[in-house]
Amino acid sequence: MKTINDYFDDLKKITGSDYATAKKLKIGKSSLSTIRSRGQMADETALKVADLLQIDRTEVLIAAAMARSEGEVKNAWEDVSKRVYKGVMLGGVVALGSVGLAHTMAAEMINGVHCILC
Protein backbone atom coordinates (compact mmCIF):
# COMPACT_ATOMS: atom_id res chain seq x y z
CA MET A 1 0.00 0.00 0.00
CA LYS A 2 1.20 3.47 -0.81
CA THR A 3 2.04 6.02 1.86
CA ILE A 4 0.53 9.49 2.02
CA ASN A 5 3.77 10.95 0.69
CA ASP A 6 3.67 8.53 -2.25
CA TYR A 7 0.34 10.01 -3.28
CA PHE A 8 1.69 13.55 -2.95
CA ASP A 9 4.76 12.59 -4.97
CA ASP A 10 2.40 11.32 -7.69
CA LEU A 11 0.49 14.61 -7.56
CA LYS A 12 3.74 16.58 -7.73
CA LYS A 13 4.63 14.75 -10.97
CA ILE A 14 1.33 15.94 -12.41
CA THR A 15 1.30 19.51 -11.08
CA GLY A 16 5.03 20.21 -11.11
CA SER A 17 5.38 21.32 -7.48
CA ASP A 18 3.97 21.02 -3.98
CA TYR A 19 2.84 24.64 -4.26
CA ALA A 20 0.79 23.84 -7.39
CA THR A 21 -0.53 20.68 -5.71
CA ALA A 22 -1.67 22.67 -2.67
CA LYS A 23 -3.40 25.14 -4.96
CA LYS A 24 -5.23 22.33 -6.83
CA LEU A 25 -6.30 20.80 -3.49
CA LYS A 26 -7.39 24.26 -2.26
CA ILE A 27 -5.20 24.00 0.84
CA GLY A 28 -2.32 26.16 2.00
CA LYS A 29 1.28 25.25 1.21
CA SER A 30 1.93 25.05 4.97
CA SER A 31 -0.93 22.54 5.30
CA LEU A 32 0.61 20.40 2.58
CA SER A 33 4.00 20.62 4.33
CA THR A 34 2.35 19.48 7.58
CA ILE A 35 0.66 16.58 5.80
CA ARG A 36 3.98 15.53 4.30
CA SER A 37 5.92 15.83 7.58
CA ARG A 38 3.30 13.94 9.62
CA GLY A 39 2.42 11.50 6.86
CA GLN A 40 -1.25 11.97 7.67
CA MET A 41 -4.20 13.69 6.05
CA ALA A 42 -7.89 14.23 6.67
CA ASP A 43 -10.42 12.11 4.82
CA GLU A 44 -11.67 15.18 2.94
CA THR A 45 -8.15 15.77 1.60
CA ALA A 46 -7.85 12.07 0.73
CA LEU A 47 -10.95 12.35 -1.47
CA LYS A 48 -9.50 15.38 -3.28
CA VAL A 49 -6.17 13.57 -3.76
CA ALA A 50 -7.90 10.52 -5.23
CA ASP A 51 -9.99 12.66 -7.54
CA LEU A 52 -6.97 14.62 -8.80
CA LEU A 53 -5.04 11.39 -9.37
CA GLN A 54 -8.16 9.82 -10.93
CA ILE A 55 -7.82 6.72 -8.75
CA ASP A 56 -10.17 4.79 -6.49
CA ARG A 57 -11.21 6.95 -3.54
CA THR A 58 -11.36 3.86 -1.30
CA GLU A 59 -7.64 3.23 -1.79
CA VAL A 60 -6.65 6.70 -0.58
CA LEU A 61 -9.21 6.73 2.25
CA ILE A 62 -7.84 3.44 3.57
CA ALA A 63 -4.26 4.75 3.31
CA ALA A 64 -5.27 7.89 5.24
CA ALA A 65 -6.99 5.86 7.96
CA MET A 66 -4.01 3.52 8.25
CA ALA A 67 -1.62 6.48 8.55
CA ARG A 68 -3.65 7.89 11.46
CA SER A 69 -3.93 4.54 13.23
CA GLU A 70 -1.70 2.45 15.46
CA GLY A 71 -1.58 -1.07 16.83
CA GLU A 72 -4.64 -3.26 16.42
CA VAL A 73 -6.60 -0.56 14.61
CA LYS A 74 -3.85 -0.17 12.02
CA ASN A 75 -3.71 -3.96 11.63
CA ALA A 76 -7.48 -4.01 11.09
CA TRP A 77 -7.18 -1.36 8.34
CA GLU A 78 -4.40 -3.39 6.72
CA ASP A 79 -6.73 -6.41 6.71
CA VAL A 80 -9.50 -4.33 5.16
CA SER A 81 -7.10 -3.11 2.50
CA LYS A 82 -6.04 -6.65 1.63
CA ARG A 83 -9.64 -7.88 1.48
CA VAL A 84 -10.85 -4.97 -0.62
CA TYR A 85 -8.09 -5.29 -3.17
CA LYS A 86 -8.08 -9.09 -3.14
CA GLY A 87 -11.79 -8.96 -3.94
CA VAL A 88 -11.23 -6.46 -6.72
CA MET A 89 -8.36 -8.49 -8.14
CA LEU A 90 -10.28 -11.79 -7.99
CA GLY A 91 -13.39 -10.28 -9.46
CA GLY A 92 -11.40 -8.38 -12.03
CA VAL A 93 -14.07 -5.73 -11.60
CA VAL A 94 -15.70 -7.80 -14.41
CA ALA A 95 -16.73 -4.63 -16.27
CA LEU A 96 -16.72 -0.91 -15.67
CA GLY A 97 -20.35 -1.18 -14.58
CA SER A 98 -19.17 -3.29 -11.64
CA VAL A 99 -17.21 -0.43 -10.12
CA GLY A 100 -20.26 0.81 -8.22
CA LEU A 101 -20.70 -2.65 -6.74
CA ALA A 102 -17.01 -2.77 -5.73
CA HIS A 103 -17.40 0.58 -3.95
CA THR A 104 -20.52 -0.67 -2.17
CA MET A 105 -18.78 -3.88 -1.10
CA ALA A 106 -15.74 -1.92 0.12
CA ALA A 107 -17.98 0.43 2.10
CA GLU A 108 -19.76 -2.54 3.69
CA MET A 109 -16.43 -4.13 4.61
CA ILE A 110 -15.16 -0.87 6.09
CA ASN A 111 -18.37 -0.38 8.06
CA GLY A 112 -18.14 -3.96 9.33
CA VAL A 113 -14.60 -3.37 10.61
CA HIS A 114 -15.69 -0.11 12.17
CA CYS A 115 -18.43 -1.86 14.13
CA ILE A 116 -16.01 -4.53 15.30
CA LEU A 117 -13.66 -1.83 16.55
CA CYS A 118 -16.42 0.12 18.34
C-alpha atoms as a PDB file:
ATOM      1  CA  MET A   1       0.000   0.000   0.000  1.00  0.00           C
ATOM      2  CA  LYS A   2       1.204   3.472  -0.814  1.00  0.00           C
ATOM      3  CA  THR A   3       2.037   6.021   1.856  1.00  0.00           C
ATOM      4  CA  ILE A   4       0.531   9.494   2.018  1.00  0.00           C
ATOM      5  CA  ASN A   5       3.772  10.954   0.692  1.00  0.00           C
ATOM      6  CA  ASP A   6       3.674   8.534  -2.252  1.00  0.00           C
ATOM      7  CA  TYR A   7       0.339  10.013  -3.284  1.00  0.00           C
ATOM      8  CA  PHE A   8       1.686  13.552  -2.948  1.00  0.00           C
ATOM      9  CA  ASP A   9       4.760  12.588  -4.971  1.00  0.00           C
ATOM     10  CA  ASP A  10       2.404  11.317  -7.686  1.00  0.00           C
ATOM     11  CA  LEU A  11       0.492  14.609  -7.561  1.00  0.00           C
ATOM     12  CA  LYS A  12       3.744  16.581  -7.732  1.00  0.00           C
ATOM     13  CA  LYS A  13       4.629  14.747 -10.967  1.00  0.00           C
ATOM     14  CA  ILE A  14       1.333  15.944 -12.414  1.00  0.00           C
ATOM     15  CA  THR A  15       1.298  19.512 -11.084  1.00  0.00           C
ATOM     16  CA  GLY A  16       5.028  20.208 -11.109  1.00  0.00           C
ATOM     17  CA  SER A  17       5.378  21.322  -7.483  1.00  0.00           C
ATOM     18  CA  ASP A  18       3.974  21.021  -3.982  1.00  0.00           C
ATOM     19  CA  TYR A  19       2.842  24.639  -4.263  1.00  0.00           C
ATOM     20  CA  ALA A  20       0.791  23.843  -7.385  1.00  0.00           C
ATOM     21  CA  THR A  21      -0.529  20.680  -5.711  1.00  0.00           C
ATOM     22  CA  ALA A  22      -1.669  22.669  -2.668  1.00  0.00           C
ATOM     23  CA  LYS A  23      -3.398  25.142  -4.960  1.00  0.00           C
ATOM     24  CA  LYS A  24      -5.230  22.332  -6.825  1.00  0.00           C
ATOM     25  CA  LEU A  25      -6.302  20.800  -3.488  1.00  0.00           C
ATOM     26  CA  LYS A  26      -7.387  24.259  -2.257  1.00  0.00           C
ATOM     27  CA  ILE A  27      -5.196  23.998   0.842  1.00  0.00           C
ATOM     28  CA  GLY A  28      -2.318  26.157   2.004  1.00  0.00           C
ATOM     29  CA  LYS A  29       1.281  25.252   1.205  1.00  0.00           C
ATOM     30  CA  SER A  30       1.930  25.047   4.973  1.00  0.00           C
ATOM     31  CA  SER A  31      -0.933  22.542   5.299  1.00  0.00           C
ATOM     32  CA  LEU A  32       0.608  20.399   2.579  1.00  0.00           C
ATOM     33  CA  SER A  33       3.998  20.616   4.331  1.00  0.00           C
ATOM     34  CA  THR A  34       2.355  19.478   7.575  1.00  0.00           C
ATOM     35  CA  ILE A  35       0.657  16.580   5.799  1.00  0.00           C
ATOM     36  CA  ARG A  36       3.985  15.526   4.299  1.00  0.00           C
ATOM     37  CA  SER A  37       5.915  15.831   7.580  1.00  0.00           C
ATOM     38  CA  ARG A  38       3.303  13.940   9.618  1.00  0.00           C
ATOM     39  CA  GLY A  39       2.424  11.498   6.856  1.00  0.00           C
ATOM     40  CA  GLN A  40      -1.252  11.968   7.675  1.00  0.00           C
ATOM     41  CA  MET A  41      -4.200  13.689   6.053  1.00  0.00           C
ATOM     42  CA  ALA A  42      -7.888  14.232   6.667  1.00  0.00           C
ATOM     43  CA  ASP A  43     -10.424  12.114   4.816  1.00  0.00           C
ATOM     44  CA  GLU A  44     -11.674  15.179   2.936  1.00  0.00           C
ATOM     45  CA  THR A  45      -8.153  15.769   1.599  1.00  0.00           C
ATOM     46  CA  ALA A  46      -7.850  12.065   0.734  1.00  0.00           C
ATOM     47  CA  LEU A  47     -10.950  12.352  -1.468  1.00  0.00           C
ATOM     48  CA  LYS A  48      -9.500  15.376  -3.279  1.00  0.00           C
ATOM     49  CA  VAL A  49      -6.172  13.570  -3.764  1.00  0.00           C
ATOM     50  CA  ALA A  50      -7.905  10.517  -5.227  1.00  0.00           C
ATOM     51  CA  ASP A  51      -9.994  12.657  -7.543  1.00  0.00           C
ATOM     52  CA  LEU A  52      -6.971  14.615  -8.803  1.00  0.00           C
ATOM     53  CA  LEU A  53      -5.044  11.388  -9.373  1.00  0.00           C
ATOM     54  CA  GLN A  54      -8.156   9.818 -10.928  1.00  0.00           C
ATOM     55  CA  ILE A  55      -7.818   6.721  -8.754  1.00  0.00           C
ATOM     56  CA  ASP A  56     -10.168   4.787  -6.492  1.00  0.00           C
ATOM     57  CA  ARG A  57     -11.207   6.947  -3.538  1.00  0.00           C
ATOM     58  CA  THR A  58     -11.365   3.865  -1.300  1.00  0.00           C
ATOM     59  CA  GLU A  59      -7.642   3.235  -1.792  1.00  0.00           C
ATOM     60  CA  VAL A  60      -6.651   6.700  -0.578  1.00  0.00           C
ATOM     61  CA  LEU A  61      -9.212   6.729   2.247  1.00  0.00           C
ATOM     62  CA  ILE A  62      -7.841   3.440   3.574  1.00  0.00           C
ATOM     63  CA  ALA A  63      -4.259   4.754   3.308  1.00  0.00           C
ATOM     64  CA  ALA A  64      -5.268   7.893   5.237  1.00  0.00           C
ATOM     65  CA  ALA A  65      -6.992   5.860   7.960  1.00  0.00           C
ATOM     66  CA  MET A  66      -4.009   3.523   8.249  1.00  0.00           C
ATOM     67  CA  ALA A  67      -1.623   6.475   8.551  1.00  0.00           C
ATOM     68  CA  ARG A  68      -3.646   7.887  11.459  1.00  0.00           C
ATOM     69  CA  SER A  69      -3.930   4.541  13.234  1.00  0.00           C
ATOM     70  CA  GLU A  70      -1.703   2.454  15.458  1.00  0.00           C
ATOM     71  CA  GLY A  71      -1.585  -1.070  16.834  1.00  0.00           C
ATOM     72  CA  GLU A  72      -4.643  -3.256  16.420  1.00  0.00           C
ATOM     73  CA  VAL A  73      -6.604  -0.564  14.610  1.00  0.00           C
ATOM     74  CA  LYS A  74      -3.846  -0.169  12.017  1.00  0.00           C
ATOM     75  CA  ASN A  75      -3.707  -3.956  11.625  1.00  0.00           C
ATOM     76  CA  ALA A  76      -7.482  -4.006  11.088  1.00  0.00           C
ATOM     77  CA  TRP A  77      -7.182  -1.361   8.345  1.00  0.00           C
ATOM     78  CA  GLU A  78      -4.399  -3.394   6.717  1.00  0.00           C
ATOM     79  CA  ASP A  79      -6.725  -6.412   6.713  1.00  0.00           C
ATOM     80  CA  VAL A  80      -9.504  -4.332   5.157  1.00  0.00           C
ATOM     81  CA  SER A  81      -7.099  -3.110   2.503  1.00  0.00           C
ATOM     82  CA  LYS A  82      -6.044  -6.649   1.629  1.00  0.00           C
ATOM     83  CA  ARG A  83      -9.644  -7.875   1.476  1.00  0.00           C
ATOM     84  CA  VAL A  84     -10.846  -4.971  -0.618  1.00  0.00           C
ATOM     85  CA  TYR A  85      -8.087  -5.294  -3.168  1.00  0.00           C
ATOM     86  CA  LYS A  86      -8.081  -9.091  -3.141  1.00  0.00           C
ATOM     87  CA  GLY A  87     -11.795  -8.960  -3.943  1.00  0.00           C
ATOM     88  CA  VAL A  88     -11.230  -6.457  -6.722  1.00  0.00           C
ATOM     89  CA  MET A  89      -8.357  -8.493  -8.141  1.00  0.00           C
ATOM     90  CA  LEU A  90     -10.278 -11.792  -7.992  1.00  0.00           C
ATOM     91  CA  GLY A  91     -13.389 -10.280  -9.458  1.00  0.00           C
ATOM     92  CA  GLY A  92     -11.401  -8.378 -12.034  1.00  0.00           C
ATOM     93  CA  VAL A  93     -14.072  -5.734 -11.602  1.00  0.00           C
ATOM     94  CA  VAL A  94     -15.700  -7.799 -14.415  1.00  0.00           C
ATOM     95  CA  ALA A  95     -16.727  -4.632 -16.273  1.00  0.00           C
ATOM     96  CA  LEU A  96     -16.723  -0.910 -15.675  1.00  0.00           C
ATOM     97  CA  GLY A  97     -20.353  -1.178 -14.577  1.00  0.00           C
ATOM     98  CA  SER A  98     -19.173  -3.289 -11.640  1.00  0.00           C
ATOM     99  CA  VAL A  99     -17.206  -0.426 -10.119  1.00  0.00           C
ATOM    100  CA  GLY A 100     -20.258   0.813  -8.220  1.00  0.00           C
ATOM    101  CA  LEU A 101     -20.697  -2.653  -6.744  1.00  0.00           C
ATOM    102  CA  ALA A 102     -17.007  -2.770  -5.732  1.00  0.00           C
ATOM    103  CA  HIS A 103     -17.404   0.583  -3.950  1.00  0.00           C
ATOM    104  CA  THR A 104     -20.518  -0.670  -2.167  1.00  0.00           C
ATOM    105  CA  MET A 105     -18.776  -3.877  -1.098  1.00  0.00           C
ATOM    106  CA  ALA A 106     -15.742  -1.916   0.117  1.00  0.00           C
ATOM    107  CA  ALA A 107     -17.983   0.430   2.102  1.00  0.00           C
ATOM    108  CA  GLU A 108     -19.764  -2.538   3.692  1.00  0.00           C
ATOM    109  CA  MET A 109     -16.427  -4.131   4.614  1.00  0.00           C
ATOM    110  CA  ILE A 110     -15.158  -0.873   6.093  1.00  0.00           C
ATOM    111  CA  ASN A 111     -18.374  -0.378   8.061  1.00  0.00           C
ATOM    112  CA  GLY A 112     -18.136  -3.962   9.332  1.00  0.00           C
ATOM    113  CA  VAL A 113     -14.599  -3.371  10.614  1.00  0.00           C
ATOM    114  CA  HIS A 114     -15.686  -0.105  12.170  1.00  0.00           C
ATOM    115  CA  CYS A 115     -18.431  -1.859  14.134  1.00  0.00           C
ATOM    116  CA  ILE A 116     -16.009  -4.529  15.300  1.00  0.00           C
ATOM    117  CA  LEU A 117     -13.661  -1.833  16.550  1.00  0.00           C
ATOM    118  CA  CYS A 118     -16.425   0.122  18.339  1.00  0.00           C
END
